[in-house]
Every structure is written in structure tokens, then in C-alpha cells.
Amino acid sequence: MCPGGEETAAEGEIPGKEQNLEEKAVEREGTAMLMEALRSLPDIQREAILLHYFYDMKYWEIARQAGVGTATVKSRARQGMEKLRGLLRKEDFYWP
């Protein structure tokens, strides 16, 4: 303890490190929940979501690659996102 009764971080310990580790643990848990939910989607919906939201592909690019119309890709992504929301809501999903 310091004068005045305040505690200090242990020697060699970085202040705030515990909080940082906790934040990382929450983030890892959230990532695991998201990946599990994504794996539960039908392949065509998962593909549309991953390519658009994670790989920043435009809908028309995904449509050209998949050999379908742009509206079809948008519909697949929208339906997949609705399913994801429902799945993650059940699990009290939190993304920091």
C-alpha cells in the first residue's frame, strides 16, 4: 500500500492488464459464438454474408461468381442475417 492507504499494481504488473485480458476473453467468446452461428446457416446464405460483410465484395460481384442474379444474392444475405440475429439473440450475444 502507498501512503494514504491506496493500493498499487504489483511490481512488474501493468495497470489495466486484467481489464484488457477480460476484454479479449469477451471478444474471443463473441467470435466463437458468431462463427458457430454462421456455420449453422445454409451454405448459400453463409457464402453471401461472408463474401459481402467480411470480404467487402459487392453484391453484383458475388452474383457473377455464383452465377445468379444480384437480387438473389441480396435475398440470401438478408435471410441469412435475419437467421443470425435470431440465433445470436437466443445466446445473449454481445460484441464489444
PDB file of N, CA and C in Angstrom:
ATOM      1  N   MET A   1       0.830  -1.189   0.000  1.00  0.00           N
ATOM      2  CA  MET A   1       0.000   0.000   0.000  1.00  0.00           C
ATOM      3  C   MET A   1       0.868   1.243   0.000  1.00  0.00           C
ATOM      4  N   CYS A   2       0.358   2.252  -0.638  1.00  0.00           N
ATOM      5  CA  CYS A   2       1.024   3.556  -0.669  1.00  0.00           C
ATOM      6  C   CYS A   2       0.581   4.351   0.542  1.00  0.00           C
ATOM      7  N   PRO A   3       1.297   5.414   0.838  1.00  0.00           N
ATOM      8  CA  PRO A   3       0.810   6.308   1.887  1.00  0.00           C
ATOM      9  C   PRO A   3      -0.598   6.772   1.536  1.00  0.00           C
ATOM     10  N   GLY A   4      -1.459   6.810   2.500  1.00  0.00           N
ATOM     11  CA  GLY A   4      -2.837   7.203   2.250  1.00  0.00           C
ATOM     12  C   GLY A   4      -3.730   5.994   2.050  1.00  0.00           C
ATOM     13  N   GLY A   5      -3.171   4.770   2.118  1.00  0.00           N
ATOM     14  CA  GLY A   5      -3.960   3.552   2.051  1.00  0.00           C
ATOM     15  C   GLY A   5      -4.297   3.065   0.652  1.00  0.00           C
ATOM     16  N   GLU A   6      -3.750   3.695  -0.393  1.00  0.00           N
ATOM     17  CA  GLU A   6      -4.055   3.260  -1.753  1.00  0.00           C
ATOM     18  C   GLU A   6      -3.182   2.076  -2.136  1.00  0.00           C
ATOM     19  N   GLU A   7      -3.779   1.142  -2.877  1.00  0.00           N
ATOM     20  CA  GLU A   7      -3.008   0.001  -3.356  1.00  0.00           C
ATOM     21  C   GLU A   7      -2.400   0.345  -4.696  1.00  0.00           C
ATOM     22  N   THR A   8      -1.240  -0.219  -4.966  1.00  0.00           N
ATOM     23  CA  THR A   8      -0.603  -0.009  -6.268  1.00  0.00           C
ATOM     24  C   THR A   8      -0.510  -1.348  -6.968  1.00  0.00           C
ATOM     25  N   ALA A   9      -0.267  -1.308  -8.256  1.00  0.00           N
ATOM     26  CA  ALA A   9      -0.092  -2.540  -9.016  1.00  0.00           C
ATOM     27  C   ALA A   9       1.159  -3.249  -8.521  1.00  0.00           C
ATOM     28  N   ALA A  10       1.120  -4.562  -8.539  1.00  0.00           N
ATOM     29  CA  ALA A  10       2.287  -5.339  -8.123  1.00  0.00           C
ATOM     30  C   ALA A  10       3.451  -5.011  -9.036  1.00  0.00           C
ATOM     31  N   GLU A  11       4.629  -5.168  -8.507  1.00  0.00           N
ATOM     32  CA  GLU A  11       5.827  -4.854  -9.284  1.00  0.00           C
ATOM     33  C   GLU A  11       5.846  -5.702 -10.557  1.00  0.00           C
ATOM     34  N   GLY A  12       6.074  -5.068 -11.676  1.00  0.00           N
ATOM     35  CA  GLY A  12       6.120  -5.771 -12.955  1.00  0.00           C
ATOM     36  C   GLY A  12       4.748  -5.963 -13.579  1.00  0.00           C
ATOM     37  N   GLU A  13       3.687  -5.617 -12.881  1.00  0.00           N
ATOM     38  CA  GLU A  13       2.332  -5.778 -13.395  1.00  0.00           C
ATOM     39  C   GLU A  13       1.923  -4.487 -14.098  1.00  0.00           C
ATOM     40  N   ILE A  14       1.277  -4.623 -15.201  1.00  0.00           N
ATOM     41  CA  ILE A  14       0.858  -3.457 -15.974  1.00  0.00           C
ATOM     42  C   ILE A  14      -0.554  -3.068 -15.536  1.00  0.00           C
ATOM     43  N   PRO A  15      -0.755  -1.812 -15.088  1.00  0.00           N
ATOM     44  CA  PRO A  15      -2.095  -1.384 -14.689  1.00  0.00           C
ATOM     45  C   PRO A  15      -3.063  -1.536 -15.859  1.00  0.00           C
ATOM     46  N   GLY A  16      -4.243  -2.033 -15.591  1.00  0.00           N
ATOM     47  CA  GLY A  16      -5.244  -2.217 -16.632  1.00  0.00           C
ATOM     48  C   GLY A  16      -5.089  -3.492 -17.426  1.00  0.00           C
ATOM     49  N   LYS A  17      -4.067  -4.287 -17.149  1.00  0.00           N
ATOM     50  CA  LYS A  17      -3.829  -5.508 -17.912  1.00  0.00           C
ATOM     51  C   LYS A  17      -4.953  -6.511 -17.697  1.00  0.00           C
ATOM     52  N   GLU A  18      -5.452  -6.592 -16.440  1.00  0.00           N
ATOM     53  CA  GLU A  18      -6.548  -7.510 -16.142  1.00  0.00           C
ATOM     54  C   GLU A  18      -7.770  -7.182 -16.980  1.00  0.00           C
ATOM     55  N   GLN A  19      -8.093  -5.897 -17.062  1.00  0.00           N
ATOM     56  CA  GLN A  19      -9.242  -5.467 -17.841  1.00  0.00           C
ATOM     57  C   GLN A  19      -9.026  -5.809 -19.316  1.00  0.00           C
ATOM     58  N   ASN A  20      -7.825  -5.598 -19.810  1.00  0.00           N
ATOM     59  CA  ASN A  20      -7.513  -5.897 -21.193  1.00  0.00           C
ATOM     60  C   ASN A  20      -7.698  -7.394 -21.473  1.00  0.00           C
ATOM     61  N   LEU A  21      -7.255  -8.241 -20.553  1.00  0.00           N
ATOM     62  CA  LEU A  21      -7.418  -9.686 -20.711  1.00  0.00           C
ATOM     63  C   LEU A  21      -8.888 -10.073 -20.696  1.00  0.00           C
ATOM     64  N   GLU A  22      -9.660  -9.425 -19.834  1.00  0.00           N
ATOM     65  CA  GLU A  22     -11.092  -9.699 -19.760  1.00  0.00           C
ATOM     66  C   GLU A  22     -11.778  -9.303 -21.065  1.00  0.00           C
ATOM     67  N   GLU A  23     -11.405  -8.150 -21.598  1.00  0.00           N
ATOM     68  CA  GLU A  23     -11.977  -7.694 -22.871  1.00  0.00           C
ATOM     69  C   GLU A  23     -11.647  -8.673 -23.990  1.00  0.00           C
ATOM     70  N   LYS A  24     -10.423  -9.163 -24.004  1.00  0.00           N
ATOM     71  CA  LYS A  24     -10.024 -10.134 -25.026  1.00  0.00           C
ATOM     72  C   LYS A  24     -10.806 -11.422 -24.880  1.00  0.00           C
ATOM     73  N   ALA A  25     -11.044 -11.856 -23.654  1.00  0.00           N
ATOM     74  CA  ALA A  25     -11.808 -13.082 -23.418  1.00  0.00           C
ATOM     75  C   ALA A  25     -13.243 -12.925 -23.909  1.00  0.00           C
ATOM     76  N   VAL A  26     -13.843 -11.766 -23.639  1.00  0.00           N
ATOM     77  CA  VAL A  26     -15.206 -11.492 -24.101  1.00  0.00           C
ATOM     78  C   VAL A  26     -15.238 -11.470 -25.625  1.00  0.00           C
ATOM     79  N   GLU A  27     -14.242 -10.851 -26.230  1.00  0.00           N
ATOM     80  CA  GLU A  27     -14.177 -10.785 -27.691  1.00  0.00           C
ATOM     81  C   GLU A  27     -14.025 -12.181 -28.296  1.00  0.00           C
ATOM     82  N   ARG A  28     -13.151 -13.010 -27.696  1.00  0.00           N
ATOM     83  CA  ARG A  28     -12.965 -14.380 -28.184  1.00  0.00           C
ATOM     84  C   ARG A  28     -14.258 -15.176 -28.097  1.00  0.00           C
ATOM     85  N   GLU A  29     -14.967 -15.015 -26.972  1.00  0.00           N
ATOM     86  CA  GLU A  29     -16.232 -15.722 -26.787  1.00  0.00           C
ATOM     87  C   GLU A  29     -17.245 -15.269 -27.830  1.00  0.00           C
ATOM     88  N   GLY A  30     -17.289 -13.960 -28.073  1.00  0.00           N
ATOM     89  CA  GLY A  30     -18.200 -13.423 -29.086  1.00  0.00           C
ATOM     90  C   GLY A  30     -17.870 -13.928 -30.474  1.00  0.00           C
ATOM     91  N   THR A  31     -16.591 -13.990 -30.794  1.00  0.00           N
ATOM     92  CA  THR A  31     -16.163 -14.502 -32.096  1.00  0.00           C
ATOM     93  C   THR A  31     -16.562 -15.964 -32.245  1.00  0.00           C
ATOM     94  N   ALA A  32     -16.373 -16.743 -31.197  1.00  0.00           N
ATOM     95  CA  ALA A  32     -16.725 -18.167 -31.242  1.00  0.00           C
ATOM     96  C   ALA A  32     -18.228 -18.337 -31.446  1.00  0.00           C
ATOM     97  N   MET A  33     -19.024 -17.521 -30.758  1.00  0.00           N
ATOM     98  CA  MET A  33     -20.485 -17.600 -30.907  1.00  0.00           C
ATOM     99  C   MET A  33     -20.901 -17.218 -32.323  1.00  0.00           C
ATOM    100  N   LEU A  34     -20.284 -16.174 -32.857  1.00  0.00           N
ATOM    101  CA  LEU A  34     -20.602 -15.726 -34.214  1.00  0.00           C
ATOM    102  C   LEU A  34     -20.248 -16.808 -35.232  1.00  0.00           C
ATOM    103  N   MET A  35     -19.079 -17.400 -35.099  1.00  0.00           N
ATOM    104  CA  MET A  35     -18.656 -18.444 -36.045  1.00  0.00           C
ATOM    105  C   MET A  35     -19.575 -19.660 -35.968  1.00  0.00           C
ATOM    106  N   GLU A  36     -19.977 -20.034 -34.762  1.00  0.00           N
ATOM    107  CA  GLU A  36     -20.889 -21.168 -34.604  1.00  0.00           C
ATOM    108  C   GLU A  36     -22.227 -20.872 -35.272  1.00  0.00           C
ATOM    109  N   ALA A  37     -22.727 -19.658 -35.078  1.00  0.00           N
ATOM    110  CA  ALA A  37     -23.992 -19.266 -35.696  1.00  0.00           C
ATOM    111  C   ALA A  37     -23.861 -19.238 -37.217  1.00  0.00           C
ATOM    112  N   LEU A  38     -22.753 -18.722 -37.730  1.00  0.00           N
ATOM    113  CA  LEU A  38     -22.527 -18.710 -39.185  1.00  0.00           C
ATOM    114  C   LEU A  38     -22.496 -20.121 -39.755  1.00  0.00           C
ATOM    115  N   ARG A  39     -21.849 -21.038 -39.036  1.00  0.00           N
ATOM    116  CA  ARG A  39     -21.771 -22.434 -39.519  1.00  0.00           C
ATOM    117  C   ARG A  39     -23.140 -23.102 -39.584  1.00  0.00           C
ATOM    118  N   SER A  40     -24.090 -22.606 -38.794  1.00  0.00           N
ATOM    119  CA  SER A  40     -25.416 -23.229 -38.781  1.00  0.00           C
ATOM    120  C   SER A  40     -26.290 -22.762 -39.944  1.00  0.00           C
ATOM    121  N   LEU A  41     -25.861 -21.730 -40.661  1.00  0.00           N
ATOM    122  CA  LEU A  41     -26.642 -21.228 -41.802  1.00  0.00           C
ATOM    123  C   LEU A  41     -26.478 -22.141 -43.010  1.00  0.00           C
ATOM    124  N   PRO A  42     -27.479 -22.132 -43.898  1.00  0.00           N
ATOM    125  CA  PRO A  42     -27.301 -22.832 -45.176  1.00  0.00           C
ATOM    126  C   PRO A  42     -26.099 -22.244 -45.928  1.00  0.00           C
ATOM    127  N   ASP A  43     -25.425 -23.084 -46.687  1.00  0.00           N
ATOM    128  CA  ASP A  43     -24.205 -22.666 -47.389  1.00  0.00           C
ATOM    129  C   ASP A  43     -24.387 -21.410 -48.231  1.00  0.00           C
ATOM    130  N   ILE A  44     -25.489 -21.320 -48.970  1.00  0.00           N
ATOM    131  CA  ILE A  44     -25.669 -20.171 -49.868  1.00  0.00           C
ATOM    132  C   ILE A  44     -25.837 -18.870 -49.100  1.00  0.00           C
ATOM    133  N   GLN A  45     -26.472 -18.922 -47.921  1.00  0.00           N
ATOM    134  CA  GLN A  45     -26.621 -17.717 -47.103  1.00  0.00           C
ATOM    135  C   GLN A  45     -25.297 -17.347 -46.440  1.00  0.00           C
ATOM    136  N   ARG A  46     -24.604 -18.347 -45.919  1.00  0.00           N
ATOM    137  CA  ARG A  46     -23.306 -18.095 -45.282  1.00  0.00           C
ATOM    138  C   ARG A  46     -22.331 -17.503 -46.289  1.00  0.00           C
ATOM    139  N   GLU A  47     -22.316 -18.045 -47.496  1.00  0.00           N
ATOM    140  CA  GLU A  47     -21.420 -17.541 -48.535  1.00  0.00           C
ATOM    141  C   GLU A  47     -21.709 -16.071 -48.842  1.00  0.00           C
ATOM    142  N   ALA A  48     -22.980 -15.727 -49.002  1.00  0.00           N
ATOM    143  CA  ALA A  48     -23.353 -14.341 -49.318  1.00  0.00           C
ATOM    144  C   ALA A  48     -22.929 -13.394 -48.192  1.00  0.00           C
ATOM    145  N   ILE A  49     -23.128 -13.802 -46.951  1.00  0.00           N
ATOM    146  CA  ILE A  49     -22.771 -12.958 -45.800  1.00  0.00           C
ATOM    147  C   ILE A  49     -21.257 -12.807 -45.693  1.00  0.00           C
ATOM    148  N   LEU A  50     -20.551 -13.915 -45.762  1.00  0.00           N
ATOM    149  CA  LEU A  50     -19.093 -13.854 -45.617  1.00  0.00           C
ATOM    150  C   LEU A  50     -18.454 -13.007 -46.718  1.00  0.00           C
ATOM    151  N   LEU A  51     -18.864 -13.248 -47.955  1.00  0.00           N
ATOM    152  CA  LEU A  51     -18.254 -12.509 -49.059  1.00  0.00           C
ATOM    153  C   LEU A  51     -18.592 -11.023 -49.014  1.00  0.00           C
ATOM    154  N   HIS A  52     -19.826 -10.697 -48.646  1.00  0.00           N
ATOM    155  CA  HIS A  52     -20.216  -9.282 -48.631  1.00  0.00           C
ATOM    156  C   HIS A  52     -19.697  -8.544 -47.397  1.00  0.00           C
ATOM    157  N   TYR A  53     -19.921  -9.099 -46.221  1.00  0.00           N
ATOM    158  CA  TYR A  53     -19.601  -8.369 -44.988  1.00  0.00           C
ATOM    159  C   TYR A  53     -18.169  -8.564 -44.502  1.00  0.00           C
ATOM    160  N   PHE A  54     -17.578  -9.704 -44.797  1.00  0.00           N
ATOM    161  CA  PHE A  54     -16.232  -9.962 -44.295  1.00  0.00           C
ATOM    162  C   PHE A  54     -15.154  -9.734 -45.355  1.00  0.00           C
ATOM    163  N   TYR A  55     -15.514  -9.943 -46.635  1.00  0.00           N
ATOM    164  CA  TYR A  55     -14.538  -9.756 -47.715  1.00  0.00           C
ATOM    165  C   TYR A  55     -14.848  -8.542 -48.574  1.00  0.00           C
ATOM    166  N   ASP A  56     -15.839  -7.764 -48.163  1.00  0.00           N
ATOM    167  CA  ASP A  56     -16.195  -6.492 -48.818  1.00  0.00           C
ATOM    168  C   ASP A  56     -16.478  -6.615 -50.309  1.00  0.00           C
ATOM    169  N   MET A  57     -17.001  -7.753 -50.720  1.00  0.00           N
ATOM    170  CA  MET A  57     -17.385  -7.896 -52.125  1.00  0.00           C
ATOM    171  C   MET A  57     -18.746  -7.246 -52.341  1.00  0.00           C
ATOM    172  N   LYS A  58     -18.928  -6.662 -53.497  1.00  0.00           N
ATOM    173  CA  LYS A  58     -20.216  -6.082 -53.867  1.00  0.00           C
ATOM    174  C   LYS A  58     -21.172  -7.219 -54.214  1.00  0.00           C
ATOM    175  N   TYR A  59     -22.481  -6.955 -54.061  1.00  0.00           N
ATOM    176  CA  TYR A  59     -23.470  -7.990 -54.374  1.00  0.00           C
ATOM    177  C   TYR A  59     -23.348  -8.464 -55.818  1.00  0.00           C
ATOM    178  N   TRP A  60     -23.119  -7.530 -56.741  1.00  0.00           N
ATOM    179  CA  TRP A  60     -23.028  -7.921 -58.151  1.00  0.00           C
ATOM    180  C   TRP A  60     -21.812  -8.818 -58.405  1.00  0.00           C
ATOM    181  N   GLU A  61     -20.726  -8.609 -57.653  1.00  0.00           N
ATOM    182  CA  GLU A  61     -19.539  -9.454 -57.803  1.00  0.00           C
ATOM    183  C   GLU A  61     -19.822 -10.876 -57.321  1.00  0.00           C
ATOM    184  N   ILE A  62     -20.519 -10.961 -56.201  1.00  0.00           N
ATOM    185  CA  ILE A  62     -20.882 -12.279 -55.664  1.00  0.00           C
ATOM    186  C   ILE A  62     -21.825 -12.975 -56.635  1.00  0.00           C
ATOM    187  N   ALA A  63     -22.776 -12.212 -57.178  1.00  0.00           N
ATOM    188  CA  ALA A  63     -23.744 -12.777 -58.125  1.00  0.00           C
ATOM    189  C   ALA A  63     -23.037 -13.330 -59.360  1.00  0.00           C
ATOM    190  N   ARG A  64     -22.087 -12.565 -59.888  1.00  0.00           N
ATOM    191  CA  ARG A  64     -21.346 -13.017 -61.063  1.00  0.00           C
ATOM    192  C   ARG A  64     -20.573 -14.299 -60.762  1.00  0.00           C
ATOM    193  N   GLN A  65     -19.934 -14.336 -59.587  1.00  0.00           N
ATOM    194  CA  GLN A  65     -19.154 -15.513 -59.190  1.00  0.00           C
ATOM    195  C   GLN A  65     -20.048 -16.738 -58.984  1.00  0.00           C
ATOM    196  N   ALA A  66     -21.245 -16.522 -58.403  1.00  0.00           N
ATOM    197  CA  ALA A  66     -22.144 -17.641 -58.110  1.00  0.00           C
ATOM    198  C   ALA A  66     -23.021 -18.018 -59.299  1.00  0.00           C
ATOM    199  N   GLY A  67     -23.061 -17.157 -60.313  1.00  0.00           N
ATOM    200  CA  GLY A  67     -23.885 -17.444 -61.490  1.00  0.00           C
ATOM    201  C   GLY A  67     -25.374 -17.250 -61.237  1.00  0.00           C
ATOM    202  N   VAL A  68     -25.698 -16.292 -60.364  1.00  0.00           N
ATOM    203  CA  VAL A  68     -27.099 -15.984 -60.060  1.00  0.00           C
ATOM    204  C   VAL A  68     -27.294 -14.483 -60.173  1.00  0.00           C
ATOM    205  N   GLY A  69     -28.539 -14.029 -60.029  1.00  0.00           N
ATOM    206  CA  GLY A  69     -28.832 -12.613 -60.101  1.00  0.00           C
ATOM    207  C   GLY A  69     -28.442 -11.868 -58.825  1.00  0.00           C
ATOM    208  N   THR A  70     -28.243 -10.564 -58.961  1.00  0.00           N
ATOM    209  CA  THR A  70     -27.887  -9.730 -57.819  1.00  0.00           C
ATOM    210  C   THR A  70     -28.983  -9.763 -56.754  1.00  0.00           C
ATOM    211  N   ALA A  71     -30.241  -9.730 -57.187  1.00  0.00           N
ATOM    212  CA  ALA A  71     -31.362  -9.766 -56.236  1.00  0.00           C
ATOM    213  C   ALA A  71     -31.340 -11.058 -55.419  1.00  0.00           C
ATOM    214  N   THR A  72     -30.932 -12.146 -56.045  1.00  0.00           N
ATOM    215  CA  THR A  72     -30.843 -13.437 -55.349  1.00  0.00           C
ATOM    216  C   THR A  72     -29.799 -13.377 -54.240  1.00  0.00           C
ATOM    217  N   VAL A  73     -28.655 -12.789 -54.552  1.00  0.00           N
ATOM    218  CA  VAL A  73     -27.583 -12.673 -53.549  1.00  0.00           C
ATOM    219  C   VAL A  73     -28.042 -11.780 -52.403  1.00  0.00           C
ATOM    220  N   LYS A  74     -28.693 -10.656 -52.710  1.00  0.00           N
ATOM    221  CA  LYS A  74     -29.189  -9.763 -51.666  1.00  0.00           C
ATOM    222  C   LYS A  74     -30.192 -10.479 -50.773  1.00  0.00           C
ATOM    223  N   SER A  75     -31.062 -11.257 -51.392  1.00  0.00           N
ATOM    224  CA  SER A  75     -32.064 -12.011 -50.640  1.00  0.00           C
ATOM    225  C   SER A  75     -31.414 -13.043 -49.733  1.00  0.00           C
ATOM    226  N   ARG A  76     -30.421 -13.745 -50.246  1.00  0.00           N
ATOM    227  CA  ARG A  76     -29.705 -14.736 -49.437  1.00  0.00           C
ATOM    228  C   ARG A  76     -29.014 -14.088 -48.241  1.00  0.00           C
ATOM    229  N   ALA A  77     -28.381 -12.960 -48.471  1.00  0.00           N
ATOM    230  CA  ALA A  77     -27.689 -12.254 -47.391  1.00  0.00           C
ATOM    231  C   ALA A  77     -28.697 -11.751 -46.351  1.00  0.00           C
ATOM    232  N   ARG A  78     -29.809 -11.190 -46.815  1.00  0.00           N
ATOM    233  CA  ARG A  78     -30.824 -10.661 -45.901  1.00  0.00           C
ATOM    234  C   ARG A  78     -31.425 -11.782 -45.056  1.00  0.00           C
ATOM    235  N   GLN A  79     -31.787 -12.890 -45.705  1.00  0.00           N
ATOM    236  CA  GLN A  79     -32.359 -14.025 -44.973  1.00  0.00           C
ATOM    237  C   GLN A  79     -31.352 -14.606 -43.980  1.00  0.00           C
ATOM    238  N   GLY A  80     -30.106 -14.695 -44.395  1.00  0.00           N
ATOM    239  CA  GLY A  80     -29.067 -15.202 -43.508  1.00  0.00           C
ATOM    240  C   GLY A  80     -28.853 -14.291 -42.308  1.00  0.00           C
ATOM    241  N   MET A  81     -28.868 -12.980 -42.533  1.00  0.00           N
ATOM    242  CA  MET A  81     -28.696 -12.033 -41.432  1.00  0.00           C
ATOM    243  C   MET A  81     -29.867 -12.115 -40.451  1.00  0.00           C
ATOM    244  N   GLU A  82     -31.069 -12.310 -40.966  1.00  0.00           N
ATOM    245  CA  GLU A  82     -32.232 -12.472 -40.080  1.00  0.00           C
ATOM    246  C   GLU A  82     -32.068 -13.714 -39.203  1.00  0.00           C
ATOM    247  N   LYS A  83     -31.615 -14.802 -39.807  1.00  0.00           N
ATOM    248  CA  LYS A  83     -31.389 -16.028 -39.034  1.00  0.00           C
ATOM    249  C   LYS A  83     -30.286 -15.817 -38.000  1.00  0.00           C
ATOM    250  N   LEU A  84     -29.210 -15.150 -38.402  1.00  0.00           N
ATOM    251  CA  LEU A  84     -28.112 -14.864 -37.468  1.00  0.00           C
ATOM    252  C   LEU A  84     -28.603 -14.050 -36.277  1.00  0.00           C
ATOM    253  N   ARG A  85     -29.383 -13.008 -36.551  1.00  0.00           N
ATOM    254  CA  ARG A  85     -29.913 -12.178 -35.459  1.00  0.00           C
ATOM    255  C   ARG A  85     -30.703 -13.032 -34.475  1.00  0.00           C
ATOM    256  N   GLY A  86     -31.559 -13.893 -35.008  1.00  0.00           N
ATOM    257  CA  GLY A  86     -32.361 -14.759 -34.140  1.00  0.00           C
ATOM    258  C   GLY A  86     -31.509 -15.710 -33.319  1.00  0.00           C
ATOM    259  N   LEU A  87     -30.531 -16.330 -33.966  1.00  0.00           N
ATOM    260  CA  LEU A  87     -29.646 -17.262 -33.260  1.00  0.00           C
ATOM    261  C   LEU A  87     -28.835 -16.563 -32.181  1.00  0.00           C
ATOM    262  N   LEU A  88     -28.282 -15.409 -32.515  1.00  0.00           N
ATOM    263  CA  LEU A  88     -27.429 -14.703 -31.572  1.00  0.00           C
ATOM    264  C   LEU A  88     -28.229 -14.043 -30.453  1.00  0.00           C
ATOM    265  N   ARG A  89     -29.455 -13.674 -30.733  1.00  0.00           N
ATOM    266  CA  ARG A  89     -30.319 -13.105 -29.695  1.00  0.00           C
ATOM    267  C   ARG A  89     -30.604 -14.161 -28.631  1.00  0.00           C
ATOM    268  N   LYS A  90     -30.812 -15.400 -29.057  1.00  0.00           N
ATOM    269  CA  LYS A  90     -31.057 -16.510 -28.125  1.00  0.00           C
ATOM    270  C   LYS A  90     -29.864 -16.728 -27.206  1.00  0.00           C
ATOM    271  N   GLU A  91     -28.676 -16.464 -27.702  1.00  0.00           N
ATOM    272  CA  GLU A  91     -27.445 -16.716 -26.958  1.00  0.00           C
ATOM    273  C   GLU A  91     -26.944 -15.497 -26.178  1.00  0.00           C
ATOM    274  N   ASP A  92     -27.755 -14.426 -26.120  1.00  0.00           N
ATOM    275  CA  ASP A  92     -27.317 -13.189 -25.470  1.00  0.00           C
ATOM    276  C   ASP A  92     -25.964 -12.731 -26.013  1.00  0.00           C
ATOM    277  N   PHE A  93     -25.881 -12.724 -27.320  1.00  0.00           N
ATOM    278  CA  PHE A  93     -24.637 -12.333 -27.994  1.00  0.00           C
ATOM    279  C   PHE A  93     -24.301 -10.896 -27.687  1.00  0.00           C
ATOM    280  N   TYR A  94     -23.029 -10.650 -27.405  1.00  0.00           N
ATOM    281  CA  TYR A  94     -22.531  -9.298 -27.147  1.00  0.00           C
ATOM    282  C   TYR A  94     -21.240  -9.120 -27.914  1.00  0.00           C
ATOM    283  N   TRP A  95     -21.159  -8.052 -28.685  1.00  0.00           N
ATOM    284  CA  TRP A  95     -19.927  -7.743 -29.408  1.00  0.00           C
ATOM    285  C   TRP A  95     -19.406  -6.413 -28.900  1.00  0.00           C
ATOM    286  N   PRO A  96     -18.223  -6.450 -28.273  1.00  0.00           N
ATOM    287  CA  PRO A  96     -17.704  -5.199 -27.677  1.00  0.00           C
ATOM    288  C   PRO A  96     -17.417  -4.124 -28.704  1.00  0.00           C
TER     289      PRO A  96
END
